[in-house]
Amino acid sequence: FVPTFEGSIFRTTDAGNSWVEANTGIMHSSVVDLEVLGNRIYAF
């Protein structure tokens, strides 16, 4: 096992009590597969 790094962006609107990912468009991520199921589109 070799170490690599990945990143993301998180946002809080309540002074850090909770966080959600804020990656609209999932930029800078390597999307290797897409799948559609119902009205959802999944990105992997």
PDB file of all heavy atoms in Angstrom:
ATOM      1  N   PHE A   1       0.849  -1.184   0.000  1.00  0.00           N
ATOM      2  CA  PHE A   1       0.000   0.000   0.000  1.00  0.00           C
ATOM      3  C   PHE A   1       0.888   1.239   0.000  1.00  0.00           C
ATOM      4  O   PHE A   1       1.802   1.362   0.810  1.00  0.00           O
ATOM      5  CB  PHE A   1      -0.922   0.024   1.224  1.00  0.00           C
ATOM      6  CG  PHE A   1      -1.934  -1.066   1.230  1.00  0.00           C
ATOM      7  CD1 PHE A   1      -1.671  -2.263   1.872  1.00  0.00           C
ATOM      8  CD2 PHE A   1      -3.140  -0.918   0.582  1.00  0.00           C
ATOM      9  CE1 PHE A   1      -2.592  -3.277   1.869  1.00  0.00           C
ATOM     10  CE2 PHE A   1      -4.073  -1.931   0.575  1.00  0.00           C
ATOM     11  CZ  PHE A   1      -3.793  -3.104   1.214  1.00  0.00           C
ATOM     12  N   VAL A   2       0.655   2.145  -0.927  1.00  0.00           N
ATOM     13  CA  VAL A   2       1.431   3.374  -0.991  1.00  0.00           C
ATOM     14  C   VAL A   2       0.493   4.544  -0.740  1.00  0.00           C
ATOM     15  O   VAL A   2      -0.668   4.521  -1.150  1.00  0.00           O
ATOM     16  CB  VAL A   2       2.131   3.530  -2.360  1.00  0.00           C
ATOM     17  CG1 VAL A   2       3.145   2.428  -2.569  1.00  0.00           C
ATOM     18  CG2 VAL A   2       1.113   3.541  -3.488  1.00  0.00           C
ATOM     19  N   PRO A   3       0.953   5.579  -0.043  1.00  0.00           N
ATOM     20  CA  PRO A   3       0.071   6.709   0.263  1.00  0.00           C
ATOM     21  C   PRO A   3      -0.092   7.639  -0.926  1.00  0.00           C
ATOM     22  O   PRO A   3       0.869   7.991  -1.595  1.00  0.00           O
ATOM     23  CB  PRO A   3       0.796   7.413   1.419  1.00  0.00           C
ATOM     24  CG  PRO A   3       2.240   7.094   1.188  1.00  0.00           C
ATOM     25  CD  PRO A   3       2.271   5.715   0.575  1.00  0.00           C
ATOM     26  N   THR A   4      -1.324   8.031  -1.206  1.00  0.00           N
ATOM     27  CA  THR A   4      -1.609   9.092  -2.160  1.00  0.00           C
ATOM     28  C   THR A   4      -2.578  10.044  -1.477  1.00  0.00           C
ATOM     29  O   THR A   4      -3.032   9.791  -0.375  1.00  0.00           O
ATOM     30  CB  THR A   4      -2.223   8.541  -3.462  1.00  0.00           C
ATOM     31  OG1 THR A   4      -3.416   7.809  -3.131  1.00  0.00           O
ATOM     32  CG2 THR A   4      -1.252   7.602  -4.162  1.00  0.00           C
ATOM     33  N   PHE A   5      -2.896  11.155  -2.140  1.00  0.00           N
ATOM     34  CA  PHE A   5      -3.741  12.156  -1.506  1.00  0.00           C
ATOM     35  C   PHE A   5      -4.914  12.513  -2.401  1.00  0.00           C
ATOM     36  O   PHE A   5      -4.820  12.456  -3.620  1.00  0.00           O
ATOM     37  CB  PHE A   5      -2.926  13.429  -1.206  1.00  0.00           C
ATOM     38  CG  PHE A   5      -1.851  13.224  -0.188  1.00  0.00           C
ATOM     39  CD1 PHE A   5      -0.579  12.817  -0.568  1.00  0.00           C
ATOM     40  CD2 PHE A   5      -2.110  13.425   1.150  1.00  0.00           C
ATOM     41  CE1 PHE A   5       0.417  12.630   0.368  1.00  0.00           C
ATOM     42  CE2 PHE A   5      -1.125  13.243   2.089  1.00  0.00           C
ATOM     43  CZ  PHE A   5       0.145  12.843   1.699  1.00  0.00           C
ATOM     44  N   GLU A   6      -6.034  12.839  -1.770  1.00  0.00           N
ATOM     45  CA  GLU A   6      -7.169  13.345  -2.515  1.00  0.00           C
ATOM     46  C   GLU A   6      -7.753  14.529  -1.757  1.00  0.00           C
ATOM     47  O   GLU A   6      -7.546  14.679  -0.554  1.00  0.00           O
ATOM     48  CB  GLU A   6      -8.231  12.267  -2.708  1.00  0.00           C
ATOM     49  CG  GLU A   6      -8.954  11.871  -1.444  1.00  0.00           C
ATOM     50  CD  GLU A   6     -10.168  11.020  -1.747  1.00  0.00           C
ATOM     51  OE1 GLU A   6     -10.272  10.475  -2.849  1.00  0.00           O
ATOM     52  OE2 GLU A   6     -11.039  10.930  -0.856  1.00  0.00           O
ATOM     53  N   GLY A   7      -8.457  15.384  -2.471  1.00  0.00           N
ATOM     54  CA  GLY A   7      -8.971  16.579  -1.839  1.00  0.00           C
ATOM     55  C   GLY A   7     -10.439  16.804  -2.130  1.00  0.00           C
ATOM     56  O   GLY A   7     -11.021  16.177  -3.002  1.00  0.00           O
ATOM     57  N   SER A   8     -11.028  17.729  -1.386  1.00  0.00           N
ATOM     58  CA  SER A   8     -12.421  18.063  -1.572  1.00  0.00           C
ATOM     59  C   SER A   8     -12.656  19.435  -0.949  1.00  0.00           C
ATOM     60  O   SER A   8     -11.751  20.016  -0.351  1.00  0.00           O
ATOM     61  CB  SER A   8     -13.318  16.998  -0.923  1.00  0.00           C
ATOM     62  OG  SER A   8     -14.661  17.200  -1.286  1.00  0.00           O
ATOM     63  N   ILE A   9     -13.873  19.944  -1.084  1.00  0.00           N
ATOM     64  CA  ILE A   9     -14.236  21.233  -0.490  1.00  0.00           C
ATOM     65  C   ILE A   9     -15.467  21.029   0.380  1.00  0.00           C
ATOM     66  O   ILE A   9     -16.449  20.418  -0.053  1.00  0.00           O
ATOM     67  CB  ILE A   9     -14.520  22.290  -1.573  1.00  0.00           C
ATOM     68  CG1 ILE A   9     -13.265  22.540  -2.411  1.00  0.00           C
ATOM     69  CG2 ILE A   9     -14.994  23.599  -0.940  1.00  0.00           C
ATOM     70  CD1 ILE A   9     -13.497  23.455  -3.586  1.00  0.00           C
ATOM     71  N   PHE A  10     -15.396  21.519   1.609  1.00  0.00           N
ATOM     72  CA  PHE A  10     -16.514  21.425   2.538  1.00  0.00           C
ATOM     73  C   PHE A  10     -16.977  22.825   2.914  1.00  0.00           C
ATOM     74  O   PHE A  10     -16.187  23.778   2.929  1.00  0.00           O
ATOM     75  CB  PHE A  10     -16.113  20.656   3.800  1.00  0.00           C
ATOM     76  CG  PHE A  10     -15.927  19.179   3.581  1.00  0.00           C
ATOM     77  CD1 PHE A  10     -14.757  18.692   3.035  1.00  0.00           C
ATOM     78  CD2 PHE A  10     -16.925  18.287   3.915  1.00  0.00           C
ATOM     79  CE1 PHE A  10     -14.580  17.341   2.827  1.00  0.00           C
ATOM     80  CE2 PHE A  10     -16.762  16.933   3.719  1.00  0.00           C
ATOM     81  CZ  PHE A  10     -15.583  16.451   3.173  1.00  0.00           C
ATOM     82  N   ARG A  11     -18.272  22.928   3.256  1.00  0.00           N
ATOM     83  CA  ARG A  11     -18.853  24.218   3.628  1.00  0.00           C
ATOM     84  C   ARG A  11     -19.663  24.063   4.900  1.00  0.00           C
ATOM     85  O   ARG A  11     -20.377  23.067   5.094  1.00  0.00           O
ATOM     86  CB  ARG A  11     -19.756  24.731   2.506  1.00  0.00           C
ATOM     87  CG  ARG A  11     -20.423  26.075   2.816  1.00  0.00           C
ATOM     88  CD  ARG A  11     -21.445  26.446   1.753  1.00  0.00           C
ATOM     89  NE  ARG A  11     -22.566  25.524   1.768  1.00  0.00           N
ATOM     90  CZ  ARG A  11     -23.104  24.985   0.679  1.00  0.00           C
ATOM     91  NH1 ARG A  11     -22.615  25.270  -0.514  1.00  0.00           N
ATOM     92  NH2 ARG A  11     -24.129  24.159   0.766  1.00  0.00           N
ATOM     93  N   THR A  12     -19.572  25.048   5.787  1.00  0.00           N
ATOM     94  CA  THR A  12     -20.447  25.120   6.954  1.00  0.00           C
ATOM     95  C   THR A  12     -21.208  26.435   6.914  1.00  0.00           C
ATOM     96  O   THR A  12     -20.673  27.459   6.469  1.00  0.00           O
ATOM     97  CB  THR A  12     -19.656  25.025   8.272  1.00  0.00           C
ATOM     98  OG1 THR A  12     -20.572  25.094   9.383  1.00  0.00           O
ATOM     99  CG2 THR A  12     -18.634  26.137   8.396  1.00  0.00           C
ATOM    100  N   THR A  13     -22.446  26.401   7.329  1.00  0.00           N
ATOM    101  CA  THR A  13     -23.243  27.632   7.444  1.00  0.00           C
ATOM    102  C   THR A  13     -23.703  27.852   8.878  1.00  0.00           C
ATOM    103  O   THR A  13     -24.501  28.748   9.148  1.00  0.00           O
ATOM    104  CB  THR A  13     -24.474  27.570   6.515  1.00  0.00           C
ATOM    105  OG1 THR A  13     -25.242  26.394   6.816  1.00  0.00           O
ATOM    106  CG2 THR A  13     -24.036  27.544   5.051  1.00  0.00           C
ATOM    107  N   ASP A  14     -23.176  27.021   9.800  1.00  0.00           N
ATOM    108  CA  ASP A  14     -23.559  27.145  11.218  1.00  0.00           C
ATOM    109  C   ASP A  14     -22.324  27.170  12.115  1.00  0.00           C
ATOM    110  O   ASP A  14     -22.277  26.538  13.158  1.00  0.00           O
ATOM    111  CB  ASP A  14     -24.517  26.031  11.632  1.00  0.00           C
ATOM    112  CG  ASP A  14     -23.972  24.638  11.340  1.00  0.00           C
ATOM    113  OD1 ASP A  14     -22.760  24.521  11.028  1.00  0.00           O
ATOM    114  OD2 ASP A  14     -24.740  23.670  11.420  1.00  0.00           O
ATOM    115  N   ALA A  15     -21.309  27.882  11.657  1.00  0.00           N
ATOM    116  CA  ALA A  15     -20.097  28.106  12.442  1.00  0.00           C
ATOM    117  C   ALA A  15     -19.343  26.814  12.757  1.00  0.00           C
ATOM    118  O   ALA A  15     -18.693  26.718  13.798  1.00  0.00           O
ATOM    119  CB  ALA A  15     -20.428  28.864  13.724  1.00  0.00           C
ATOM    120  N   GLY A  16     -19.426  25.852  11.875  1.00  0.00           N
ATOM    121  CA  GLY A  16     -18.644  24.629  12.036  1.00  0.00           C
ATOM    122  C   GLY A  16     -19.334  23.511  12.775  1.00  0.00           C
ATOM    123  O   GLY A  16     -18.739  22.451  12.983  1.00  0.00           O
ATOM    124  N   ASN A  17     -20.593  23.703  13.175  1.00  0.00           N
ATOM    125  CA  ASN A  17     -21.299  22.616  13.855  1.00  0.00           C
ATOM    126  C   ASN A  17     -21.590  21.449  12.908  1.00  0.00           C
ATOM    127  O   ASN A  17     -21.674  20.297  13.331  1.00  0.00           O
ATOM    128  CB  ASN A  17     -22.604  23.133  14.469  1.00  0.00           C
ATOM    129  CG  ASN A  17     -22.348  24.098  15.618  1.00  0.00           C
ATOM    130  OD1 ASN A  17     -21.468  23.868  16.442  1.00  0.00           O
ATOM    131  ND2 ASN A  17     -23.097  25.189  15.655  1.00  0.00           N
ATOM    132  N   SER A  18     -21.733  21.745  11.618  1.00  0.00           N
ATOM    133  CA  SER A  18     -21.927  20.697  10.616  1.00  0.00           C
ATOM    134  C   SER A  18     -21.302  21.156   9.305  1.00  0.00           C
ATOM    135  O   SER A  18     -21.202  22.359   9.037  1.00  0.00           O
ATOM    136  CB  SER A  18     -23.416  20.376  10.433  1.00  0.00           C
ATOM    137  OG  SER A  18     -24.113  21.511   9.958  1.00  0.00           O
ATOM    138  N   TRP A  19     -20.904  20.172   8.486  1.00  0.00           N
ATOM    139  CA  TRP A  19     -20.253  20.466   7.213  1.00  0.00           C
ATOM    140  C   TRP A  19     -20.874  19.625   6.120  1.00  0.00           C
ATOM    141  O   TRP A  19     -21.304  18.488   6.361  1.00  0.00           O
ATOM    142  CB  TRP A  19     -18.754  20.146   7.281  1.00  0.00           C
ATOM    143  CG  TRP A  19     -17.987  20.962   8.268  1.00  0.00           C
ATOM    144  CD1 TRP A  19     -17.863  20.727   9.606  1.00  0.00           C
ATOM    145  CD2 TRP A  19     -17.238  22.150   8.004  1.00  0.00           C
ATOM    146  NE1 TRP A  19     -17.084  21.690  10.198  1.00  0.00           N
ATOM    147  CE2 TRP A  19     -16.681  22.574   9.240  1.00  0.00           C
ATOM    148  CE3 TRP A  19     -16.975  22.890   6.852  1.00  0.00           C
ATOM    149  CZ2 TRP A  19     -15.883  23.712   9.340  1.00  0.00           C
ATOM    150  CZ3 TRP A  19     -16.173  24.017   6.949  1.00  0.00           C
ATOM    151  CH2 TRP A  19     -15.645  24.423   8.194  1.00  0.00           C
ATOM    152  N   VAL A  20     -20.923  20.178   4.924  1.00  0.00           N
ATOM    153  CA  VAL A  20     -21.365  19.418   3.754  1.00  0.00           C
ATOM    154  C   VAL A  20     -20.342  19.645   2.652  1.00  0.00           C
ATOM    155  O   VAL A  20     -19.682  20.698   2.585  1.00  0.00           O
ATOM    156  CB  VAL A  20     -22.770  19.841   3.263  1.00  0.00           C
ATOM    157  CG1 VAL A  20     -23.825  19.534   4.298  1.00  0.00           C
ATOM    158  CG2 VAL A  20     -22.785  21.321   2.891  1.00  0.00           C
ATOM    159  N   GLU A  21     -20.195  18.653   1.785  1.00  0.00           N
ATOM    160  CA  GLU A  21     -19.292  18.824   0.658  1.00  0.00           C
ATOM    161  C   GLU A  21     -19.887  19.816  -0.337  1.00  0.00           C
ATOM    162  O   GLU A  21     -21.085  19.798  -0.598  1.00  0.00           O
ATOM    163  CB  GLU A  21     -19.022  17.488  -0.030  1.00  0.00           C
ATOM    164  CG  GLU A  21     -17.997  16.651   0.718  1.00  0.00           C
ATOM    165  CD  GLU A  21     -17.368  15.613  -0.185  1.00  0.00           C
ATOM    166  OE1 GLU A  21     -18.017  14.589  -0.400  1.00  0.00           O
ATOM    167  OE2 GLU A  21     -16.242  15.820  -0.657  1.00  0.00           O
ATOM    168  N   ALA A  22     -19.048  20.673  -0.872  1.00  0.00           N
ATOM    169  CA  ALA A  22     -19.487  21.697  -1.817  1.00  0.00           C
ATOM    170  C   ALA A  22     -18.639  21.595  -3.073  1.00  0.00           C
ATOM    171  O   ALA A  22     -17.778  22.425  -3.332  1.00  0.00           O
ATOM    172  CB  ALA A  22     -19.356  23.085  -1.189  1.00  0.00           C
ATOM    173  N   ASN A  23     -18.874  20.527  -3.835  1.00  0.00           N
ATOM    174  CA  ASN A  23     -18.082  20.258  -5.042  1.00  0.00           C
ATOM    175  C   ASN A  23     -18.974  20.282  -6.271  1.00  0.00           C
ATOM    176  O   ASN A  23     -19.027  19.319  -7.035  1.00  0.00           O
ATOM    177  CB  ASN A  23     -17.398  18.897  -4.925  1.00  0.00           C
ATOM    178  CG  ASN A  23     -16.366  18.875  -3.818  1.00  0.00           C
ATOM    179  OD1 ASN A  23     -15.364  19.549  -3.882  1.00  0.00           O
ATOM    180  ND2 ASN A  23     -16.645  18.103  -2.771  1.00  0.00           N
ATOM    181  N   THR A  24     -19.701  21.367  -6.461  1.00  0.00           N
ATOM    182  CA  THR A  24     -20.572  21.467  -7.623  1.00  0.00           C
ATOM    183  C   THR A  24     -19.764  21.211  -8.897  1.00  0.00           C
ATOM    184  O   THR A  24     -18.784  21.883  -9.162  1.00  0.00           O
ATOM    185  CB  THR A  24     -21.222  22.857  -7.684  1.00  0.00           C
ATOM    186  OG1 THR A  24     -21.966  23.066  -6.485  1.00  0.00           O
ATOM    187  CG2 THR A  24     -22.133  22.963  -8.885  1.00  0.00           C
ATOM    188  N   GLY A  25     -20.211  20.243  -9.680  1.00  0.00           N
ATOM    189  CA  GLY A  25     -19.460  19.862 -10.877  1.00  0.00           C
ATOM    190  C   GLY A  25     -18.356  18.873 -10.614  1.00  0.00           C
ATOM    191  O   GLY A  25     -17.770  18.328 -11.534  1.00  0.00           O
ATOM    192  N   ILE A  26     -18.054  18.617  -9.348  1.00  0.00           N
ATOM    193  CA  ILE A  26     -16.976  17.701  -8.942  1.00  0.00           C
ATOM    194  C   ILE A  26     -15.706  17.998  -9.729  1.00  0.00           C
ATOM    195  O   ILE A  26     -15.043  17.120 -10.254  1.00  0.00           O
ATOM    196  CB  ILE A  26     -17.359  16.212  -9.101  1.00  0.00           C
ATOM    197  CG1 ILE A  26     -18.853  15.989  -8.926  1.00  0.00           C
ATOM    198  CG2 ILE A  26     -16.636  15.370  -8.065  1.00  0.00           C
ATOM    199  CD1 ILE A  26     -19.262  14.562  -9.047  1.00  0.00           C
ATOM    200  N   MET A  27     -15.352  19.260  -9.827  1.00  0.00           N
ATOM    201  CA  MET A  27     -14.147  19.625 -10.565  1.00  0.00           C
ATOM    202  C   MET A  27     -12.918  19.033  -9.886  1.00  0.00           C
ATOM    203  O   MET A  27     -12.897  18.813  -8.680  1.00  0.00           O
ATOM    204  CB  MET A  27     -14.022  21.135 -10.637  1.00  0.00           C
ATOM    205  CG  MET A  27     -15.128  21.778 -11.462  1.00  0.00           C
ATOM    206  SD  MET A  27     -15.208  21.161 -13.151  1.00  0.00           S
ATOM    207  CE  MET A  27     -13.656  21.778 -13.796  1.00  0.00           C
ATOM    208  N   HIS A  28     -11.916  18.783 -10.691  1.00  0.00           N
ATOM    209  CA  HIS A  28     -10.617  18.289 -10.233  1.00  0.00           C
ATOM    210  C   HIS A  28     -10.698  16.875  -9.683  1.00  0.00           C
ATOM    211  O   HIS A  28      -9.781  16.419  -9.014  1.00  0.00           O
ATOM    212  CB  HIS A  28      -9.995  19.222  -9.182  1.00  0.00           C
ATOM    213  CG  HIS A  28      -9.994  20.655  -9.599  1.00  0.00           C
ATOM    214  ND1 HIS A  28      -9.369  21.079 -10.758  1.00  0.00           N
ATOM    215  CD2 HIS A  28     -10.571  21.753  -9.058  1.00  0.00           C
ATOM    216  CE1 HIS A  28      -9.543  22.394 -10.883  1.00  0.00           C
ATOM    217  NE2 HIS A  28     -10.270  22.814  -9.884  1.00  0.00           N
ATOM    218  N   SER A  29     -11.772  16.162  -9.961  1.00  0.00           N
ATOM    219  CA  SER A  29     -11.871  14.750  -9.627  1.00  0.00           C
ATOM    220  C   SER A  29     -11.881  13.957 -10.925  1.00  0.00           C
ATOM    221  O   SER A  29     -12.497  14.361 -11.908  1.00  0.00           O
ATOM    222  CB  SER A  29     -13.157  14.456  -8.834  1.00  0.00           C
ATOM    223  OG  SER A  29     -13.127  15.103  -7.588  1.00  0.00           O
ATOM    224  N   SER A  30     -11.210  12.822 -10.916  1.00  0.00           N
ATOM    225  CA  SER A  30     -11.171  11.974 -12.100  1.00  0.00           C
ATOM    226  C   SER A  30     -12.379  11.051 -12.079  1.00  0.00           C
ATOM    227  O   SER A  30     -12.455  10.122 -11.277  1.00  0.00           O
ATOM    228  CB  SER A  30      -9.877  11.156 -12.118  1.00  0.00           C
ATOM    229  OG  SER A  30      -9.818  10.337 -13.257  1.00  0.00           O
ATOM    230  N   VAL A  31     -13.350  11.324 -12.938  1.00  0.00           N
ATOM    231  CA  VAL A  31     -14.608  10.581 -12.947  1.00  0.00           C
ATOM    232  C   VAL A  31     -14.470   9.406 -13.916  1.00  0.00           C
ATOM    233  O   VAL A  31     -14.453   9.585 -15.131  1.00  0.00           O
ATOM    234  CB  VAL A  31     -15.788  11.492 -13.345  1.00  0.00           C
ATOM    235  CG1 VAL A  31     -17.090  10.700 -13.382  1.00  0.00           C
ATOM    236  CG2 VAL A  31     -15.888  12.650 -12.367  1.00  0.00           C
ATOM    237  N   VAL A  32     -14.370   8.198 -13.372  1.00  0.00           N
ATOM    238  CA  VAL A  32     -14.076   7.028 -14.194  1.00  0.00           C
ATOM    239  C   VAL A  32     -15.330   6.341 -14.711  1.00  0.00           C
ATOM    240  O   VAL A  32     -15.263   5.555 -15.654  1.00  0.00           O
ATOM    241  CB  VAL A  32     -13.217   6.013 -13.415  1.00  0.00           C
ATOM    242  CG1 VAL A  32     -11.872   6.626 -13.075  1.00  0.00           C
ATOM    243  CG2 VAL A  32     -13.919   5.554 -12.137  1.00  0.00           C
ATOM    244  N   ASP A  33     -16.493   6.622 -14.115  1.00  0.00           N
ATOM    245  CA  ASP A  33     -17.706   5.971 -14.596  1.00  0.00           C
ATOM    246  C   ASP A  33     -18.913   6.819 -14.236  1.00  0.00           C
ATOM    247  O   ASP A  33     -18.924   7.515 -13.224  1.00  0.00           O
ATOM    248  CB  ASP A  33     -17.850   4.573 -13.988  1.00  0.00           C
ATOM    249  CG  ASP A  33     -18.720   3.657 -14.843  1.00  0.00           C
ATOM    250  OD1 ASP A  33     -19.286   4.145 -15.845  1.00  0.00           O
ATOM    251  OD2 ASP A  33     -18.828   2.463 -14.529  1.00  0.00           O
ATOM    252  N   LEU A  34     -19.917   6.760 -15.093  1.00  0.00           N
ATOM    253  CA  LEU A  34     -21.208   7.412 -14.861  1.00  0.00           C
ATOM    254  C   LEU A  34     -22.299   6.378 -15.024  1.00  0.00           C
ATOM    255  O   LEU A  34     -22.217   5.487 -15.867  1.00  0.00           O
ATOM    256  CB  LEU A  34     -21.427   8.550 -15.858  1.00  0.00           C
ATOM    257  CG  LEU A  34     -20.498   9.755 -15.768  1.00  0.00           C
ATOM    258  CD1 LEU A  34     -20.692  10.667 -16.970  1.00  0.00           C
ATOM    259  CD2 LEU A  34     -20.739  10.527 -14.477  1.00  0.00           C
ATOM    260  N   GLU A  35     -23.334   6.501 -14.228  1.00  0.00           N
ATOM    261  CA  GLU A  35     -24.455   5.560 -14.301  1.00  0.00           C
ATOM    262  C   GLU A  35     -25.738   6.342 -14.070  1.00  0.00           C
ATOM    263  O   GLU A  35     -25.792   7.223 -13.191  1.00  0.00           O
ATOM    264  CB  GLU A  35     -24.310   4.469 -13.235  1.00  0.00           C
ATOM    265  CG  GLU A  35     -25.390   3.408 -13.273  1.00  0.00           C
ATOM    266  CD  GLU A  35     -25.137   2.343 -14.324  1.00  0.00           C
ATOM    267  OE1 GLU A  35     -23.973   2.122 -14.687  1.00  0.00           O
ATOM    268  OE2 GLU A  35     -26.119   1.723 -14.769  1.00  0.00           O
ATOM    269  N   VAL A  36     -26.771   6.048 -14.833  1.00  0.00           N
ATOM    270  CA  VAL A  36     -28.071   6.695 -14.679  1.00  0.00           C
ATOM    271  C   VAL A  36     -29.058   5.685 -14.136  1.00  0.00           C
ATOM    272  O   VAL A  36     -29.155   4.543 -14.627  1.00  0.00           O
ATOM    273  CB  VAL A  36     -28.577   7.259 -16.023  1.00  0.00           C
ATOM    274  CG1 VAL A  36     -30.019   7.743 -15.898  1.00  0.00           C
ATOM    275  CG2 VAL A  36     -27.677   8.406 -16.479  1.00  0.00           C
ATOM    276  N   LEU A  37     -29.789   6.073 -13.105  1.00  0.00           N
ATOM    277  CA  LEU A  37     -30.809   5.215 -12.511  1.00  0.00           C
ATOM    278  C   LEU A  37     -31.966   6.108 -12.080  1.00  0.00           C
ATOM    279  O   LEU A  37     -31.816   6.946 -11.190  1.00  0.00           O
ATOM    280  CB  LEU A  37     -30.247   4.441 -11.308  1.00  0.00           C
ATOM    281  CG  LEU A  37     -31.151   3.359 -10.708  1.00  0.00           C
ATOM    282  CD1 LEU A  37     -31.405   2.251 -11.728  1.00  0.00           C
ATOM    283  CD2 LEU A  37     -30.533   2.772  -9.457  1.00  0.00           C
ATOM    284  N   GLY A  38     -33.120   5.940 -12.742  1.00  0.00           N
ATOM    285  CA  GLY A  38     -34.248   6.813 -12.463  1.00  0.00           C
ATOM    286  C   GLY A  38     -33.922   8.237 -12.859  1.00  0.00           C
ATOM    287  O   GLY A  38     -33.454   8.495 -13.965  1.00  0.00           O
ATOM    288  N   ASN A  39     -34.161   9.177 -11.937  1.00  0.00           N
ATOM    289  CA  ASN A  39     -33.869  10.583 -12.230  1.00  0.00           C
ATOM    290  C   ASN A  39     -32.520  11.016 -11.682  1.00  0.00           C
ATOM    291  O   ASN A  39     -32.203  12.196 -11.650  1.00  0.00           O
ATOM    292  CB  ASN A  39     -34.964  11.485 -11.647  1.00  0.00           C
ATOM    293  CG  ASN A  39     -34.959  11.471 -10.127  1.00  0.00           C
ATOM    294  OD1 ASN A  39     -34.507  10.511  -9.512  1.00  0.00           O
ATOM    295  ND2 ASN A  39     -35.466  12.532  -9.521  1.00  0.00           N
ATOM    296  N   ARG A  40     -31.730  10.054 -11.244  1.00  0.00           N
ATOM    297  CA  ARG A  40     -30.421  10.354 -10.688  1.00  0.00           C
ATOM    298  C   ARG A  40     -29.315   9.994 -11.665  1.00  0.00           C
ATOM    299  O   ARG A  40     -29.427   9.033 -12.413  1.00  0.00           O
ATOM    300  CB  ARG A  40     -30.179   9.581  -9.384  1.00  0.00           C
ATOM    301  CG  ARG A  40     -31.008  10.029  -8.197  1.00  0.00           C
ATOM    302  CD  ARG A  40     -30.566   9.272  -6.954  1.00  0.00           C
ATOM    303  NE  ARG A  40     -31.185   9.772  -5.743  1.00  0.00           N
ATOM    304  CZ  ARG A  40     -30.761   9.465  -4.514  1.00  0.00           C
ATOM    305  NH1 ARG A  40     -29.736   8.659  -4.364  1.00  0.00           N
ATOM    306  NH2 ARG A  40     -31.366   9.964  -3.462  1.00  0.00           N
ATOM    307  N   ILE A  41     -28.239  10.772 -11.624  1.00  0.00           N
ATOM    308  CA  ILE A  41     -27.024  10.410 -12.321  1.00  0.00           C
ATOM    309  C   ILE A  41     -25.929  10.241 -11.270  1.00  0.00           C
ATOM    310  O   ILE A  41     -25.805  11.061 -10.364  1.00  0.00           O
ATOM    311  CB  ILE A  41     -26.620  11.460 -13.385  1.00  0.00           C
ATOM    312  CG1 ILE A  41     -25.373  11.004 -14.118  1.00  0.00           C
ATOM    313  CG2 ILE A  41     -26.462  12.837 -12.797  1.00  0.00           C
ATOM    314  CD1 ILE A  41     -25.065  11.813 -15.358  1.00  0.00           C
ATOM    315  N   TYR A  42     -25.214   9.118 -11.357  1.00  0.00           N
ATOM    316  CA  TYR A  42     -24.176   8.788 -10.391  1.00  0.00           C
ATOM    317  C   TYR A  42     -22.806   8.963 -11.028  1.00  0.00           C
ATOM    318  O   TYR A  42     -22.611   8.611 -12.198  1.00  0.00           O
ATOM    319  CB  TYR A  42     -24.335   7.348  -9.892  1.00  0.00           C
ATOM    320  CG  TYR A  42     -25.602   7.126  -9.104  1.00  0.00           C
ATOM    321  CD1 TYR A  42     -26.785   6.773  -9.746  1.00  0.00           C
ATOM    322  CD2 TYR A  42     -25.622   7.280  -7.727  1.00  0.00           C
ATOM    323  CE1 TYR A  42     -27.957   6.577  -9.027  1.00  0.00           C
ATOM    324  CE2 TYR A  42     -26.798   7.088  -7.000  1.00  0.00           C
ATOM    325  CZ  TYR A  42     -27.954   6.738  -7.657  1.00  0.00           C
ATOM    326  OH  TYR A  42     -29.116   6.548  -6.953  1.00  0.00           O
ATOM    327  N   ALA A  43     -21.869   9.508 -10.281  1.00  0.00           N
ATOM    328  CA  ALA A  43     -20.496   9.699 -10.743  1.00  0.00           C
ATOM    329  C   ALA A  43     -19.563   8.973  -9.791  1.00  0.00           C
ATOM    330  O   ALA A  43     -19.710   9.066  -8.564  1.00  0.00           O
ATOM    331  CB  ALA A  43     -20.147  11.187 -10.794  1.00  0.00           C
ATOM    332  N   PHE A  44     -18.593   8.256 -10.370  1.00  0.00           N
ATOM    333  CA  PHE A  44     -17.684   7.445  -9.586  1.00  0.00           C
ATOM    334  C   PHE A  44     -16.255   7.907  -9.856  1.00  0.00           C
ATOM    335  O   PHE A  44     -15.821   7.971 -11.005  1.00  0.00           O
ATOM    336  CB  PHE A  44     -17.828   5.968  -9.951  1.00  0.00           C
ATOM    337  CG  PHE A  44     -19.258   5.497  -9.823  1.00  0.00           C
ATOM    338  CD1 PHE A  44     -20.135   5.616 -10.878  1.00  0.00           C
ATOM    339  CD2 PHE A  44     -19.718   4.966  -8.641  1.00  0.00           C
ATOM    340  CE1 PHE A  44     -21.460   5.213 -10.756  1.00  0.00           C
ATOM    341  CE2 PHE A  44     -21.034   4.559  -8.506  1.00  0.00           C
ATOM    342  CZ  PHE A  44     -21.904   4.682  -9.568  1.00  0.00           C
TER     343      PHE A  44
END
